[in-house]
């Protein structure tokens, strides 16, 4: 089976496994809002693709503030990882 990270986390939550907080976002403004909801960082932004190699492709970023989270989100979205956006 292959899961997106957010799907796997939902499954783990249903079985009461401890997890860090997370949010799925669709644009830079949602990333800014999620950063603030999560308590102000630092946060890790990750592309949700069904493939390894996100870090090498530049689709994983670390943000220390809401502006950086928004900028990095705009950077990550156009990146293709093994042919997947």
PDB file of N, CA and C in Angstrom:
ATOM      1  N   UNK A   1       0.839  -1.184   0.000  1.00  0.00           N
ATOM      2  CA  UNK A   1       0.000   0.000   0.000  1.00  0.00           C
ATOM      3  C   UNK A   1       0.875   1.236   0.000  1.00  0.00           C
ATOM      4  N   UNK A   2       0.369   2.271  -0.664  1.00  0.00           N
ATOM      5  CA  UNK A   2       1.071   3.550  -0.681  1.00  0.00           C
ATOM      6  C   UNK A   2       0.117   4.614  -0.179  1.00  0.00           C
ATOM      7  N   UNK A   3       0.608   5.421   0.745  1.00  0.00           N
ATOM      8  CA  UNK A   3      -0.194   6.494   1.318  1.00  0.00           C
ATOM      9  C   UNK A   3       0.555   7.815   1.180  1.00  0.00           C
ATOM     10  N   UNK A   4      -0.201   8.876   0.995  1.00  0.00           N
ATOM     11  CA  UNK A   4       0.372  10.195   1.198  1.00  0.00           C
ATOM     12  C   UNK A   4       0.615  10.330   2.698  1.00  0.00           C
ATOM     13  N   UNK A   5       1.548  11.173   3.072  1.00  0.00           N
ATOM     14  CA  UNK A   5       1.869  11.326   4.489  1.00  0.00           C
ATOM     15  C   UNK A   5       0.642  11.732   5.305  1.00  0.00           C
ATOM     16  N   UNK A   6      -0.169  12.657   4.790  1.00  0.00           N
ATOM     17  CA  UNK A   6      -1.338  13.104   5.546  1.00  0.00           C
ATOM     18  C   UNK A   6      -2.354  11.968   5.712  1.00  0.00           C
ATOM     19  N   UNK A   7      -2.434  11.054   4.731  1.00  0.00           N
ATOM     20  CA  UNK A   7      -3.349   9.910   4.859  1.00  0.00           C
ATOM     21  C   UNK A   7      -2.851   8.935   5.921  1.00  0.00           C
ATOM     22  N   UNK A   8      -1.562   8.697   5.933  1.00  0.00           N
ATOM     23  CA  UNK A   8      -0.981   7.800   6.940  1.00  0.00           C
ATOM     24  C   UNK A   8      -1.183   8.368   8.343  1.00  0.00           C
ATOM     25  N   UNK A   9      -1.011   9.688   8.476  1.00  0.00           N
ATOM     26  CA  UNK A   9      -1.209  10.306   9.784  1.00  0.00           C
ATOM     27  C   UNK A   9      -2.652  10.168  10.254  1.00  0.00           C
ATOM     28  N   UNK A  10      -3.604  10.301   9.348  1.00  0.00           N
ATOM     29  CA  UNK A  10      -5.019  10.128   9.719  1.00  0.00           C
ATOM     30  C   UNK A  10      -5.265   8.699  10.209  1.00  0.00           C
ATOM     31  N   UNK A  11      -4.673   7.734   9.544  1.00  0.00           N
ATOM     32  CA  UNK A  11      -4.800   6.338   9.961  1.00  0.00           C
ATOM     33  C   UNK A  11      -4.178   6.124  11.339  1.00  0.00           C
ATOM     34  N   UNK A  12      -2.998   6.677  11.550  1.00  0.00           N
ATOM     35  CA  UNK A  12      -2.340   6.547  12.850  1.00  0.00           C
ATOM     36  C   UNK A  12      -3.165   7.194  13.960  1.00  0.00           C
ATOM     37  N   UNK A  13      -3.748   8.360  13.666  1.00  0.00           N
ATOM     38  CA  UNK A  13      -4.580   9.043  14.675  1.00  0.00           C
ATOM     39  C   UNK A  13      -5.772   8.177  15.085  1.00  0.00           C
ATOM     40  N   UNK A  14      -6.383   7.518  14.092  1.00  0.00           N
ATOM     41  CA  UNK A  14      -7.536   6.647  14.396  1.00  0.00           C
ATOM     42  C   UNK A  14      -7.156   5.533  15.352  1.00  0.00           C
ATOM     43  N   UNK A  15      -5.896   5.164  15.371  1.00  0.00           N
ATOM     44  CA  UNK A  15      -5.428   4.104  16.259  1.00  0.00           C
ATOM     45  C   UNK A  15      -4.663   4.661  17.453  1.00  0.00           C
ATOM     46  N   UNK A  16      -4.860   5.950  17.712  1.00  0.00           N
ATOM     47  CA  UNK A  16      -4.345   6.635  18.906  1.00  0.00           C
ATOM     48  C   UNK A  16      -2.822   6.627  19.017  1.00  0.00           C
ATOM     49  N   UNK A  17      -2.122   6.613  17.891  1.00  0.00           N
ATOM     50  CA  UNK A  17      -0.669   6.723  17.933  1.00  0.00           C
ATOM     51  C   UNK A  17      -0.296   8.195  18.107  1.00  0.00           C
ATOM     52  N   UNK A  18       0.717   8.477  18.894  1.00  0.00           N
ATOM     53  CA  UNK A  18       1.096   9.883  19.113  1.00  0.00           C
ATOM     54  C   UNK A  18       1.750  10.475  17.867  1.00  0.00           C
ATOM     55  N   UNK A  19       1.310  11.656  17.489  1.00  0.00           N
ATOM     56  CA  UNK A  19       1.830  12.356  16.311  1.00  0.00           C
ATOM     57  C   UNK A  19       1.982  13.836  16.616  1.00  0.00           C
ATOM     58  N   UNK A  20       2.882  14.474  15.902  1.00  0.00           N
ATOM     59  CA  UNK A  20       2.981  15.919  15.979  1.00  0.00           C
ATOM     60  C   UNK A  20       1.816  16.544  15.233  1.00  0.00           C
ATOM     61  N   UNK A  21       1.588  17.814  15.475  1.00  0.00           N
ATOM     62  CA  UNK A  21       0.522  18.520  14.774  1.00  0.00           C
ATOM     63  C   UNK A  21       0.915  18.728  13.319  1.00  0.00           C
ATOM     64  N   UNK A  22      -0.084  18.780  12.445  1.00  0.00           N
ATOM     65  CA  UNK A  22       0.186  19.036  11.037  1.00  0.00           C
ATOM     66  C   UNK A  22      -1.036  19.641  10.374  1.00  0.00           C
ATOM     67  N   UNK A  23      -0.813  20.222   9.213  1.00  0.00           N
ATOM     68  CA  UNK A  23      -1.884  20.792   8.399  1.00  0.00           C
ATOM     69  C   UNK A  23      -1.561  20.513   6.939  1.00  0.00           C
ATOM     70  N   UNK A  24      -2.583  20.340   6.120  1.00  0.00           N
ATOM     71  CA  UNK A  24      -2.428  20.254   4.673  1.00  0.00           C
ATOM     72  C   UNK A  24      -2.875  21.598   4.117  1.00  0.00           C
ATOM     73  N   UNK A  25      -2.048  22.181   3.263  1.00  0.00           N
ATOM     74  CA  UNK A  25      -2.361  23.503   2.704  1.00  0.00           C
ATOM     75  C   UNK A  25      -2.346  23.441   1.181  1.00  0.00           C
ATOM     76  N   UNK A  26      -3.079  24.363   0.552  1.00  0.00           N
ATOM     77  CA  UNK A  26      -3.171  24.402  -0.904  1.00  0.00           C
ATOM     78  C   UNK A  26      -2.579  25.669  -1.502  1.00  0.00           C
ATOM     79  N   UNK A  27      -2.154  26.613  -0.652  1.00  0.00           N
ATOM     80  CA  UNK A  27      -1.569  27.843  -1.170  1.00  0.00           C
ATOM     81  C   UNK A  27      -0.766  28.538  -0.065  1.00  0.00           C
ATOM     82  N   UNK A  28      -0.091  29.615  -0.454  1.00  0.00           N
ATOM     83  CA  UNK A  28       0.796  30.315   0.483  1.00  0.00           C
ATOM     84  C   UNK A  28       0.036  30.905   1.669  1.00  0.00           C
ATOM     85  N   UNK A  29      -1.152  31.451   1.438  1.00  0.00           N
ATOM     86  CA  UNK A  29      -1.910  32.042   2.541  1.00  0.00           C
ATOM     87  C   UNK A  29      -2.311  30.977   3.556  1.00  0.00           C
ATOM     88  N   UNK A  30      -2.709  29.806   3.074  1.00  0.00           N
ATOM     89  CA  UNK A  30      -3.046  28.712   3.993  1.00  0.00           C
ATOM     90  C   UNK A  30      -1.808  28.281   4.782  1.00  0.00           C
ATOM     91  N   UNK A  31      -0.646  28.326   4.162  1.00  0.00           N
ATOM     92  CA  UNK A  31       0.596  27.986   4.874  1.00  0.00           C
ATOM     93  C   UNK A  31       0.874  28.990   5.975  1.00  0.00           C
ATOM     94  N   UNK A  32       0.645  30.262   5.677  1.00  0.00           N
ATOM     95  CA  UNK A  32       0.832  31.315   6.680  1.00  0.00           C
ATOM     96  C   UNK A  32      -0.111  31.086   7.871  1.00  0.00           C
ATOM     97  N   UNK A  33      -1.370  30.814   7.576  1.00  0.00           N
ATOM     98  CA  UNK A  33      -2.369  30.570   8.620  1.00  0.00           C
ATOM     99  C   UNK A  33      -2.013  29.320   9.429  1.00  0.00           C
ATOM    100  N   UNK A  34      -1.620  28.254   8.743  1.00  0.00           N
ATOM    101  CA  UNK A  34      -1.257  27.010   9.426  1.00  0.00           C
ATOM    102  C   UNK A  34      -0.063  27.226  10.349  1.00  0.00           C
ATOM    103  N   UNK A  35       0.917  27.993   9.897  1.00  0.00           N
ATOM    104  CA  UNK A  35       2.081  28.299  10.725  1.00  0.00           C
ATOM    105  C   UNK A  35       1.633  28.923  12.041  1.00  0.00           C
ATOM    106  N   UNK A  36       0.749  29.898  11.944  1.00  0.00           N
ATOM    107  CA  UNK A  36       0.262  30.583  13.149  1.00  0.00           C
ATOM    108  C   UNK A  36      -0.575  29.654  14.023  1.00  0.00           C
ATOM    109  N   UNK A  37      -1.419  28.818  13.413  1.00  0.00           N
ATOM    110  CA  UNK A  37      -2.237  27.866  14.184  1.00  0.00           C
ATOM    111  C   UNK A  37      -1.378  26.842  14.918  1.00  0.00           C
ATOM    112  N   UNK A  38      -0.236  26.486  14.315  1.00  0.00           N
ATOM    113  CA  UNK A  38       0.635  25.481  14.915  1.00  0.00           C
ATOM    114  C   UNK A  38       1.522  26.045  16.017  1.00  0.00           C
ATOM    115  N   UNK A  39       1.394  27.323  16.289  1.00  0.00           N
ATOM    116  CA  UNK A  39       2.101  27.896  17.424  1.00  0.00           C
ATOM    117  C   UNK A  39       3.376  28.637  17.077  1.00  0.00           C
ATOM    118  N   UNK A  40       3.629  28.873  15.817  1.00  0.00           N
ATOM    119  CA  UNK A  40       4.738  29.741  15.474  1.00  0.00           C
ATOM    120  C   UNK A  40       6.064  29.092  15.155  1.00  0.00           C
ATOM    121  N   UNK A  41       6.121  27.831  14.935  1.00  0.00           N
ATOM    122  CA  UNK A  41       7.299  27.197  14.360  1.00  0.00           C
ATOM    123  C   UNK A  41       8.445  26.952  15.315  1.00  0.00           C
ATOM    124  N   UNK A  42       9.533  26.428  14.795  1.00  0.00           N
ATOM    125  CA  UNK A  42       9.778  26.174  13.388  1.00  0.00           C
ATOM    126  C   UNK A  42       8.901  25.037  12.854  1.00  0.00           C
ATOM    127  N   UNK A  43       8.687  25.044  11.535  1.00  0.00           N
ATOM    128  CA  UNK A  43       7.866  24.022  10.896  1.00  0.00           C
ATOM    129  C   UNK A  43       8.626  23.423   9.719  1.00  0.00           C
ATOM    130  N   UNK A  44       8.159  22.258   9.275  1.00  0.00           N
ATOM    131  CA  UNK A  44       8.695  21.601   8.092  1.00  0.00           C
ATOM    132  C   UNK A  44       7.585  21.584   7.050  1.00  0.00           C
ATOM    133  N   UNK A  45       7.900  22.050   5.851  1.00  0.00           N
ATOM    134  CA  UNK A  45       6.954  22.052   4.735  1.00  0.00           C
ATOM    135  C   UNK A  45       7.371  20.936   3.790  1.00  0.00           C
ATOM    136  N   UNK A  46       6.427  20.059   3.430  1.00  0.00           N
ATOM    137  CA  UNK A  46       6.765  18.912   2.588  1.00  0.00           C
ATOM    138  C   UNK A  46       5.759  18.760   1.459  1.00  0.00           C
ATOM    139  N   UNK A  47       6.273  18.490   0.280  1.00  0.00           N
ATOM    140  CA  UNK A  47       5.426  18.135  -0.847  1.00  0.00           C
ATOM    141  C   UNK A  47       4.809  16.768  -0.564  1.00  0.00           C
ATOM    142  N   UNK A  48       3.540  16.606  -0.888  1.00  0.00           N
ATOM    143  CA  UNK A  48       2.879  15.322  -0.677  1.00  0.00           C
ATOM    144  C   UNK A  48       2.826  14.583  -2.017  1.00  0.00           C
ATOM    145  N   UNK A  49       3.827  13.748  -2.252  1.00  0.00           N
ATOM    146  CA  UNK A  49       3.894  12.937  -3.461  1.00  0.00           C
ATOM    147  C   UNK A  49       4.098  11.489  -3.061  1.00  0.00           C
ATOM    148  N   UNK A  50       3.672  10.581  -3.928  1.00  0.00           N
ATOM    149  CA  UNK A  50       3.835   9.157  -3.646  1.00  0.00           C
ATOM    150  C   UNK A  50       5.171   8.679  -4.213  1.00  0.00           C
ATOM    151  N   UNK A  51       6.235   9.265  -3.711  1.00  0.00           N
ATOM    152  CA  UNK A  51       7.564   8.948  -4.209  1.00  0.00           C
ATOM    153  C   UNK A  51       8.589   9.388  -3.183  1.00  0.00           C
ATOM    154  N   UNK A  52       9.719   8.707  -3.163  1.00  0.00           N
ATOM    155  CA  UNK A  52      10.827   9.163  -2.345  1.00  0.00           C
ATOM    156  C   UNK A  52      11.557  10.277  -3.076  1.00  0.00           C
ATOM    157  N   UNK A  53      12.518  10.875  -2.433  1.00  0.00           N
ATOM    158  CA  UNK A  53      13.348  11.881  -3.059  1.00  0.00           C
ATOM    159  C   UNK A  53      12.870  13.312  -2.921  1.00  0.00           C
ATOM    160  N   UNK A  54      11.909  13.551  -2.020  1.00  0.00           N
ATOM    161  CA  UNK A  54      11.407  14.923  -1.844  1.00  0.00           C
ATOM    162  C   UNK A  54      12.500  15.875  -1.414  1.00  0.00           C
ATOM    163  N   UNK A  55      13.337  15.445  -0.486  1.00  0.00           N
ATOM    164  CA  UNK A  55      14.380  16.319   0.042  1.00  0.00           C
ATOM    165  C   UNK A  55      15.386  16.672  -1.061  1.00  0.00           C
ATOM    166  N   UNK A  56      15.854  15.681  -1.800  1.00  0.00           N
ATOM    167  CA  UNK A  56      16.823  15.935  -2.865  1.00  0.00           C
ATOM    168  C   UNK A  56      16.250  16.836  -3.949  1.00  0.00           C
ATOM    169  N   UNK A  57      14.951  16.741  -4.205  1.00  0.00           N
ATOM    170  CA  UNK A  57      14.313  17.555  -5.242  1.00  0.00           C
ATOM    171  C   UNK A  57      14.045  18.982  -4.773  1.00  0.00           C
ATOM    172  N   UNK A  58      14.253  19.260  -3.482  1.00  0.00           N
ATOM    173  CA  UNK A  58      13.993  20.592  -2.947  1.00  0.00           C
ATOM    174  C   UNK A  58      12.563  20.789  -2.493  1.00  0.00           C
ATOM    175  N   UNK A  59      11.813  19.691  -2.355  1.00  0.00           N
ATOM    176  CA  UNK A  59      10.400  19.766  -1.997  1.00  0.00           C
ATOM    177  C   UNK A  59      10.152  19.599  -0.501  1.00  0.00           C
ATOM    178  N   UNK A  60      11.202  19.781   0.300  1.00  0.00           N
ATOM    179  CA  UNK A  60      11.088  19.818   1.759  1.00  0.00           C
ATOM    180  C   UNK A  60      11.836  21.069   2.207  1.00  0.00           C
ATOM    181  N   UNK A  61      11.141  21.919   2.954  1.00  0.00           N
ATOM    182  CA  UNK A  61      11.741  23.170   3.422  1.00  0.00           C
ATOM    183  C   UNK A  61      11.462  23.342   4.912  1.00  0.00           C
ATOM    184  N   UNK A  62      12.295  24.118   5.572  1.00  0.00           N
ATOM    185  CA  UNK A  62      12.148  24.407   6.994  1.00  0.00           C
ATOM    186  C   UNK A  62      11.897  25.906   7.143  1.00  0.00           C
ATOM    187  N   UNK A  63      10.858  26.267   7.884  1.00  0.00           N
ATOM    188  CA  UNK A  63      10.495  27.684   8.032  1.00  0.00           C
ATOM    189  C   UNK A  63      10.447  28.066   9.504  1.00  0.00           C
ATOM    190  N   UNK A  64      10.996  29.245   9.796  1.00  0.00           N
ATOM    191  CA  UNK A  64      11.016  29.768  11.162  1.00  0.00           C
ATOM    192  C   UNK A  64       9.977  30.846  11.413  1.00  0.00           C
ATOM    193  N   UNK A  65       9.329  31.325  10.337  1.00  0.00           N
ATOM    194  CA  UNK A  65       8.293  32.341  10.520  1.00  0.00           C
ATOM    195  C   UNK A  65       7.231  32.201   9.419  1.00  0.00           C
ATOM    196  N   UNK A  66       6.120  32.893   9.601  1.00  0.00           N
ATOM    197  CA  UNK A  66       4.982  32.748   8.689  1.00  0.00           C
ATOM    198  C   UNK A  66       5.310  33.218   7.277  1.00  0.00           C
ATOM    199  N   UNK A  67       6.077  34.298   7.146  1.00  0.00           N
ATOM    200  CA  UNK A  67       6.450  34.791   5.814  1.00  0.00           C
ATOM    201  C   UNK A  67       7.298  33.768   5.068  1.00  0.00           C
ATOM    202  N   UNK A  68       8.234  33.178   5.766  1.00  0.00           N
ATOM    203  CA  UNK A  68       9.087  32.166   5.152  1.00  0.00           C
ATOM    204  C   UNK A  68       8.258  30.936   4.762  1.00  0.00           C
ATOM    205  N   UNK A  69       7.309  30.545   5.596  1.00  0.00           N
ATOM    206  CA  UNK A  69       6.441  29.411   5.269  1.00  0.00           C
ATOM    207  C   UNK A  69       5.653  29.691   3.993  1.00  0.00           C
ATOM    208  N   UNK A  70       5.135  30.899   3.863  1.00  0.00           N
ATOM    209  CA  UNK A  70       4.377  31.268   2.657  1.00  0.00           C
ATOM    210  C   UNK A  70       5.287  31.251   1.423  1.00  0.00           C
ATOM    211  N   UNK A  71       6.474  31.842   1.526  1.00  0.00           N
ATOM    212  CA  UNK A  71       7.419  31.866   0.393  1.00  0.00           C
ATOM    213  C   UNK A  71       7.835  30.458  -0.007  1.00  0.00           C
ATOM    214  N   UNK A  72       8.166  29.635   0.993  1.00  0.00           N
ATOM    215  CA  UNK A  72       8.614  28.277   0.695  1.00  0.00           C
ATOM    216  C   UNK A  72       7.502  27.440   0.079  1.00  0.00           C
ATOM    217  N   UNK A  73       6.272  27.687   0.475  1.00  0.00           N
ATOM    218  CA  UNK A  73       5.148  26.979  -0.132  1.00  0.00           C
ATOM    219  C   UNK A  73       5.067  27.289  -1.618  1.00  0.00           C
ATOM    220  N   UNK A  74       5.225  28.555  -1.972  1.00  0.00           N
ATOM    221  CA  UNK A  74       5.203  28.929  -3.384  1.00  0.00           C
ATOM    222  C   UNK A  74       6.371  28.304  -4.144  1.00  0.00           C
ATOM    223  N   UNK A  75       7.486  28.079  -3.468  1.00  0.00           N
ATOM    224  CA  UNK A  75       8.642  27.436  -4.088  1.00  0.00           C
ATOM    225  C   UNK A  75       8.410  25.944  -4.295  1.00  0.00           C
ATOM    226  N   UNK A  76       7.764  25.301  -3.327  1.00  0.00           N
ATOM    227  CA  UNK A  76       7.575  23.853  -3.373  1.00  0.00           C
ATOM    228  C   UNK A  76       6.528  23.434  -4.406  1.00  0.00           C
ATOM    229  N   UNK A  77       5.420  24.154  -4.506  1.00  0.00           N
ATOM    230  CA  UNK A  77       4.298  23.706  -5.346  1.00  0.00           C
ATOM    231  C   UNK A  77       4.672  23.385  -6.795  1.00  0.00           C
ATOM    232  N   UNK A  78       5.498  24.158  -7.470  1.00  0.00           N
ATOM    233  CA  UNK A  78       5.806  23.813  -8.866  1.00  0.00           C
ATOM    234  C   UNK A  78       6.831  22.688  -9.040  1.00  0.00           C
ATOM    235  N   UNK A  79       7.478  22.238  -7.975  1.00  0.00           N
ATOM    236  CA  UNK A  79       8.509  21.217  -8.075  1.00  0.00           C
ATOM    237  C   UNK A  79       7.895  19.855  -8.401  1.00  0.00           C
ATOM    238  N   UNK A  80       8.511  19.176  -9.361  1.00  0.00           N
ATOM    239  CA  UNK A  80       8.110  17.809  -9.673  1.00  0.00           C
ATOM    240  C   UNK A  80       9.122  16.854  -9.047  1.00  0.00           C
ATOM    241  N   UNK A  81       8.604  15.833  -8.379  1.00  0.00           N
ATOM    242  CA  UNK A  81       9.437  14.798  -7.778  1.00  0.00           C
ATOM    243  C   UNK A  81       9.098  13.504  -8.499  1.00  0.00           C
ATOM    244  N   UNK A  82      10.046  12.999  -9.253  1.00  0.00           N
ATOM    245  CA  UNK A  82       9.818  11.787 -10.065  1.00  0.00           C
ATOM    246  C   UNK A  82       8.546  11.884 -10.893  1.00  0.00           C
ATOM    247  N   UNK A  83       8.345  13.040 -11.518  1.00  0.00           N
ATOM    248  CA  UNK A  83       7.199  13.243 -12.409  1.00  0.00           C
ATOM    249  C   UNK A  83       5.896  13.577 -11.709  1.00  0.00           C
ATOM    250  N   UNK A  84       5.919  13.774 -10.394  1.00  0.00           N
ATOM    251  CA  UNK A  84       4.704  14.077  -9.641  1.00  0.00           C
ATOM    252  C   UNK A  84       4.777  15.471  -9.050  1.00  0.00           C
ATOM    253  N   UNK A  85       3.675  16.208  -9.138  1.00  0.00           N
ATOM    254  CA  UNK A  85       3.606  17.535  -8.512  1.00  0.00           C
ATOM    255  C   UNK A  85       2.928  17.438  -7.172  1.00  0.00           C
TER     256      UNK A  85
END
